[in-house]
């Protein structure tokens, strides 16, 4: 017996095209679709923000892990440059470390965790386990990569200002 295509089509189970709110598997959130605040996001396509999950409670203050330097700056002067975002995270990290150090000294007991980032310089040696490695970035307060980037940006800015002057002479102050 030969059957037509219509027979086979009628036998196939078709998927329902009716809206059924109970059949939802997962609901997308606004932040998942459009992105949330870059300051609190746990993932980013632009840089590694895995450190945001790691915190340590020191003298009652939640201190985040030291931010990871970005390695993918395009040097095009983006409005949301990875170095500027990194700098914001560094400022928050420094603030929390200082706050924790002050709280530790106010308590008068306890020590800075040995297996955590180096303590700030304001912390007395009696609150520190042994010796932490000296961080070369503590001297300038800015990571080396960020220093180089800022120098590059300043040179670029000076060069563009020099081009804008009609006679090409350096700016006089």
C-alpha atoms as a PDB file:
ATOM      1  CA  UNK A   1       0.000   0.000   0.000  1.00  0.00           C
ATOM      2  CA  UNK A   2       1.381   3.409  -0.990  1.00  0.00           C
ATOM      3  CA  UNK A   3       0.612   6.286   1.312  1.00  0.00           C
ATOM      4  CA  UNK A   4       0.697   9.955   0.497  1.00  0.00           C
ATOM      5  CA  UNK A   5       2.789  12.616   2.153  1.00  0.00           C
ATOM      6  CA  UNK A   6      -0.349  13.971   3.782  1.00  0.00           C
ATOM      7  CA  UNK A   7      -0.734  10.714   5.684  1.00  0.00           C
ATOM      8  CA  UNK A   8       2.773  10.915   7.137  1.00  0.00           C
ATOM      9  CA  UNK A   9       2.414  14.593   7.949  1.00  0.00           C
ATOM     10  CA  UNK A  10      -0.819  13.933   9.830  1.00  0.00           C
ATOM     11  CA  UNK A  11       0.885  11.180  11.858  1.00  0.00           C
ATOM     12  CA  UNK A  12       3.772  13.383  12.971  1.00  0.00           C
ATOM     13  CA  UNK A  13       3.456  14.943  16.372  1.00  0.00           C
ATOM     14  CA  UNK A  14       3.617  18.671  16.021  1.00  0.00           C
ATOM     15  CA  UNK A  15       4.986  20.974  18.650  1.00  0.00           C
ATOM     16  CA  UNK A  16       2.515  23.262  20.268  1.00  0.00           C
ATOM     17  CA  UNK A  17       2.823  26.916  19.366  1.00  0.00           C
ATOM     18  CA  UNK A  18       0.540  27.955  22.197  1.00  0.00           C
ATOM     19  CA  UNK A  19       1.975  30.177  24.928  1.00  0.00           C
ATOM     20  CA  UNK A  20       2.161  28.258  28.169  1.00  0.00           C
ATOM     21  CA  UNK A  21       3.626  30.239  31.100  1.00  0.00           C
ATOM     22  CA  UNK A  22       3.928  27.082  33.222  1.00  0.00           C
ATOM     23  CA  UNK A  23       6.310  25.439  30.753  1.00  0.00           C
ATOM     24  CA  UNK A  24       9.138  27.926  31.439  1.00  0.00           C
ATOM     25  CA  UNK A  25      12.474  26.277  32.028  1.00  0.00           C
ATOM     26  CA  UNK A  26      14.452  29.302  33.114  1.00  0.00           C
ATOM     27  CA  UNK A  27      13.850  33.005  33.154  1.00  0.00           C
ATOM     28  CA  UNK A  28      16.485  35.322  31.809  1.00  0.00           C
ATOM     29  CA  UNK A  29      17.231  38.263  34.031  1.00  0.00           C
ATOM     30  CA  UNK A  30      17.801  41.789  32.782  1.00  0.00           C
ATOM     31  CA  UNK A  31      21.448  41.754  33.896  1.00  0.00           C
ATOM     32  CA  UNK A  32      22.050  38.452  32.070  1.00  0.00           C
ATOM     33  CA  UNK A  33      20.840  39.911  28.780  1.00  0.00           C
ATOM     34  CA  UNK A  34      22.073  43.510  28.941  1.00  0.00           C
ATOM     35  CA  UNK A  35      24.852  43.207  31.509  1.00  0.00           C
ATOM     36  CA  UNK A  36      24.856  44.555  34.997  1.00  0.00           C
ATOM     37  CA  UNK A  37      27.129  46.925  36.807  1.00  0.00           C
ATOM     38  CA  UNK A  38      30.733  46.342  35.763  1.00  0.00           C
ATOM     39  CA  UNK A  39      31.803  46.969  39.337  1.00  0.00           C
ATOM     40  CA  UNK A  40      29.965  43.930  40.708  1.00  0.00           C
ATOM     41  CA  UNK A  41      29.824  41.615  37.695  1.00  0.00           C
ATOM     42  CA  UNK A  42      31.232  38.142  38.295  1.00  0.00           C
ATOM     43  CA  UNK A  43      32.211  37.600  34.668  1.00  0.00           C
ATOM     44  CA  UNK A  44      33.392  39.819  31.866  1.00  0.00           C
ATOM     45  CA  UNK A  45      34.445  39.247  28.287  1.00  0.00           C
ATOM     46  CA  UNK A  46      36.980  42.057  28.560  1.00  0.00           C
ATOM     47  CA  UNK A  47      39.088  40.924  31.520  1.00  0.00           C
ATOM     48  CA  UNK A  48      39.498  38.347  34.253  1.00  0.00           C
ATOM     49  CA  UNK A  49      37.267  39.237  37.207  1.00  0.00           C
ATOM     50  CA  UNK A  50      37.381  35.846  38.935  1.00  0.00           C
ATOM     51  CA  UNK A  51      39.036  37.489  41.946  1.00  0.00           C
ATOM     52  CA  UNK A  52      35.712  39.148  42.839  1.00  0.00           C
ATOM     53  CA  UNK A  53      34.496  35.865  44.319  1.00  0.00           C
ATOM     54  CA  UNK A  54      37.379  35.691  46.814  1.00  0.00           C
ATOM     55  CA  UNK A  55      37.046  37.666  50.032  1.00  0.00           C
ATOM     56  CA  UNK A  56      38.608  37.298  53.457  1.00  0.00           C
ATOM     57  CA  UNK A  57      37.079  38.569  56.681  1.00  0.00           C
ATOM     58  CA  UNK A  58      39.807  40.497  58.510  1.00  0.00           C
ATOM     59  CA  UNK A  59      38.822  42.146  61.800  1.00  0.00           C
ATOM     60  CA  UNK A  60      35.189  42.157  60.687  1.00  0.00           C
ATOM     61  CA  UNK A  61      35.927  43.783  57.313  1.00  0.00           C
ATOM     62  CA  UNK A  62      35.398  41.837  54.087  1.00  0.00           C
ATOM     63  CA  UNK A  63      38.607  42.366  52.106  1.00  0.00           C
ATOM     64  CA  UNK A  64      38.558  41.320  48.431  1.00  0.00           C
ATOM     65  CA  UNK A  65      41.484  39.604  46.762  1.00  0.00           C
ATOM     66  CA  UNK A  66      43.899  41.872  44.901  1.00  0.00           C
ATOM     67  CA  UNK A  67      42.536  42.603  41.394  1.00  0.00           C
ATOM     68  CA  UNK A  68      44.204  40.911  38.440  1.00  0.00           C
ATOM     69  CA  UNK A  69      45.897  43.247  35.970  1.00  0.00           C
ATOM     70  CA  UNK A  70      44.267  43.267  32.530  1.00  0.00           C
ATOM     71  CA  UNK A  71      46.332  41.981  29.647  1.00  0.00           C
ATOM     72  CA  UNK A  72      44.080  42.879  26.751  1.00  0.00           C
ATOM     73  CA  UNK A  73      44.091  46.679  26.462  1.00  0.00           C
ATOM     74  CA  UNK A  74      43.706  47.794  22.849  1.00  0.00           C
ATOM     75  CA  UNK A  75      45.258  51.242  23.545  1.00  0.00           C
ATOM     76  CA  UNK A  76      42.545  52.963  21.530  1.00  0.00           C
ATOM     77  CA  UNK A  77      41.363  55.226  24.339  1.00  0.00           C
ATOM     78  CA  UNK A  78      38.054  53.451  24.997  1.00  0.00           C
ATOM     79  CA  UNK A  79      35.631  55.195  27.316  1.00  0.00           C
ATOM     80  CA  UNK A  80      35.459  52.029  29.437  1.00  0.00           C
ATOM     81  CA  UNK A  81      39.112  51.057  29.234  1.00  0.00           C
ATOM     82  CA  UNK A  82      40.070  47.873  31.062  1.00  0.00           C
ATOM     83  CA  UNK A  83      42.798  49.834  32.861  1.00  0.00           C
ATOM     84  CA  UNK A  84      40.313  52.385  34.163  1.00  0.00           C
ATOM     85  CA  UNK A  85      38.037  49.602  35.400  1.00  0.00           C
ATOM     86  CA  UNK A  86      41.058  47.907  36.964  1.00  0.00           C
ATOM     87  CA  UNK A  87      42.039  51.179  38.641  1.00  0.00           C
ATOM     88  CA  UNK A  88      38.554  51.460  40.191  1.00  0.00           C
ATOM     89  CA  UNK A  89      38.879  47.917  41.543  1.00  0.00           C
ATOM     90  CA  UNK A  90      42.370  48.723  42.893  1.00  0.00           C
ATOM     91  CA  UNK A  91      41.061  51.786  44.718  1.00  0.00           C
ATOM     92  CA  UNK A  92      38.309  49.723  46.334  1.00  0.00           C
ATOM     93  CA  UNK A  93      40.821  47.001  47.253  1.00  0.00           C
ATOM     94  CA  UNK A  94      43.208  49.538  48.845  1.00  0.00           C
ATOM     95  CA  UNK A  95      40.352  51.149  50.759  1.00  0.00           C
ATOM     96  CA  UNK A  96      39.149  47.804  52.155  1.00  0.00           C
ATOM     97  CA  UNK A  97      42.706  46.771  53.138  1.00  0.00           C
ATOM     98  CA  UNK A  98      43.261  50.051  54.954  1.00  0.00           C
ATOM     99  CA  UNK A  99      39.876  49.772  56.651  1.00  0.00           C
ATOM    100  CA  UNK A 100      40.699  46.215  57.788  1.00  0.00           C
ATOM    101  CA  UNK A 101      44.140  47.274  59.064  1.00  0.00           C
ATOM    102  CA  UNK A 102      42.624  50.097  61.114  1.00  0.00           C
ATOM    103  CA  UNK A 103      39.975  47.742  62.512  1.00  0.00           C
ATOM    104  CA  UNK A 104      42.678  45.205  63.396  1.00  0.00           C
ATOM    105  CA  UNK A 105      44.695  47.837  65.273  1.00  0.00           C
ATOM    106  CA  UNK A 106      41.554  49.145  67.005  1.00  0.00           C
ATOM    107  CA  UNK A 107      40.778  45.634  68.294  1.00  0.00           C
ATOM    108  CA  UNK A 108      44.320  45.284  69.576  1.00  0.00           C
ATOM    109  CA  UNK A 109      44.449  41.564  68.853  1.00  0.00           C
ATOM    110  CA  UNK A 110      44.705  39.268  65.864  1.00  0.00           C
ATOM    111  CA  UNK A 111      47.076  39.234  62.917  1.00  0.00           C
ATOM    112  CA  UNK A 112      46.896  39.860  59.196  1.00  0.00           C
ATOM    113  CA  UNK A 113      46.390  36.503  57.397  1.00  0.00           C
ATOM    114  CA  UNK A 114      49.708  35.120  56.192  1.00  0.00           C
ATOM    115  CA  UNK A 115      48.176  33.453  53.135  1.00  0.00           C
ATOM    116  CA  UNK A 116      46.415  36.615  51.932  1.00  0.00           C
ATOM    117  CA  UNK A 117      47.609  39.711  50.076  1.00  0.00           C
ATOM    118  CA  UNK A 118      50.350  41.726  51.773  1.00  0.00           C
ATOM    119  CA  UNK A 119      49.108  44.058  54.523  1.00  0.00           C
ATOM    120  CA  UNK A 120      49.130  47.829  54.032  1.00  0.00           C
ATOM    121  CA  UNK A 121      52.129  49.773  55.349  1.00  0.00           C
ATOM    122  CA  UNK A 122      50.088  51.470  58.093  1.00  0.00           C
ATOM    123  CA  UNK A 123      49.757  48.164  59.957  1.00  0.00           C
ATOM    124  CA  UNK A 124      52.149  47.739  62.897  1.00  0.00           C
ATOM    125  CA  UNK A 125      54.525  44.785  62.729  1.00  0.00           C
ATOM    126  CA  UNK A 126      52.930  43.158  65.799  1.00  0.00           C
ATOM    127  CA  UNK A 127      49.796  42.510  63.688  1.00  0.00           C
ATOM    128  CA  UNK A 128      51.750  40.783  60.903  1.00  0.00           C
ATOM    129  CA  UNK A 129      52.812  37.108  60.784  1.00  0.00           C
ATOM    130  CA  UNK A 130      56.539  37.020  60.034  1.00  0.00           C
ATOM    131  CA  UNK A 131      57.321  38.874  56.840  1.00  0.00           C
ATOM    132  CA  UNK A 132      55.282  39.389  53.727  1.00  0.00           C
ATOM    133  CA  UNK A 133      56.964  39.899  50.381  1.00  0.00           C
ATOM    134  CA  UNK A 134      57.449  43.567  49.615  1.00  0.00           C
ATOM    135  CA  UNK A 135      55.148  44.635  46.833  1.00  0.00           C
ATOM    136  CA  UNK A 136      57.010  46.916  44.369  1.00  0.00           C
ATOM    137  CA  UNK A 137      53.722  48.562  43.441  1.00  0.00           C
ATOM    138  CA  UNK A 138      53.224  49.760  47.027  1.00  0.00           C
ATOM    139  CA  UNK A 139      55.942  52.376  46.535  1.00  0.00           C
ATOM    140  CA  UNK A 140      54.129  54.187  43.731  1.00  0.00           C
ATOM    141  CA  UNK A 141      50.638  53.034  44.663  1.00  0.00           C
ATOM    142  CA  UNK A 142      49.965  52.037  41.063  1.00  0.00           C
ATOM    143  CA  UNK A 143      50.653  48.795  39.159  1.00  0.00           C
ATOM    144  CA  UNK A 144      53.517  48.925  36.681  1.00  0.00           C
ATOM    145  CA  UNK A 145      51.211  48.222  33.730  1.00  0.00           C
ATOM    146  CA  UNK A 146      48.936  51.080  34.745  1.00  0.00           C
ATOM    147  CA  UNK A 147      51.938  53.415  35.153  1.00  0.00           C
ATOM    148  CA  UNK A 148      53.083  52.618  31.619  1.00  0.00           C
ATOM    149  CA  UNK A 149      49.569  53.118  30.285  1.00  0.00           C
ATOM    150  CA  UNK A 150      49.194  56.482  32.032  1.00  0.00           C
ATOM    151  CA  UNK A 151      52.582  57.632  30.685  1.00  0.00           C
ATOM    152  CA  UNK A 152      51.519  56.582  27.189  1.00  0.00           C
ATOM    153  CA  UNK A 153      48.209  58.444  27.508  1.00  0.00           C
ATOM    154  CA  UNK A 154      49.960  61.593  28.768  1.00  0.00           C
ATOM    155  CA  UNK A 155      52.451  61.528  25.870  1.00  0.00           C
ATOM    156  CA  UNK A 156      49.622  60.995  23.397  1.00  0.00           C
ATOM    157  CA  UNK A 157      47.666  63.895  24.908  1.00  0.00           C
ATOM    158  CA  UNK A 158      50.698  66.217  24.789  1.00  0.00           C
ATOM    159  CA  UNK A 159      51.359  65.253  21.170  1.00  0.00           C
ATOM    160  CA  UNK A 160      47.758  66.006  20.145  1.00  0.00           C
ATOM    161  CA  UNK A 161      47.859  69.365  21.965  1.00  0.00           C
ATOM    162  CA  UNK A 162      51.101  70.205  20.185  1.00  0.00           C
ATOM    163  CA  UNK A 163      49.480  69.409  16.820  1.00  0.00           C
ATOM    164  CA  UNK A 164      46.536  71.702  17.595  1.00  0.00           C
ATOM    165  CA  UNK A 165      48.771  74.721  18.131  1.00  0.00           C
ATOM    166  CA  UNK A 166      49.110  76.773  14.931  1.00  0.00           C
ATOM    167  CA  UNK A 167      52.890  77.353  15.191  1.00  0.00           C
ATOM    168  CA  UNK A 168      53.688  73.845  16.508  1.00  0.00           C
ATOM    169  CA  UNK A 169      55.625  75.136  19.528  1.00  0.00           C
ATOM    170  CA  UNK A 170      55.267  73.442  22.897  1.00  0.00           C
ATOM    171  CA  UNK A 171      52.627  74.818  25.210  1.00  0.00           C
ATOM    172  CA  UNK A 172      53.835  77.577  27.478  1.00  0.00           C
ATOM    173  CA  UNK A 173      52.522  77.717  31.007  1.00  0.00           C
END
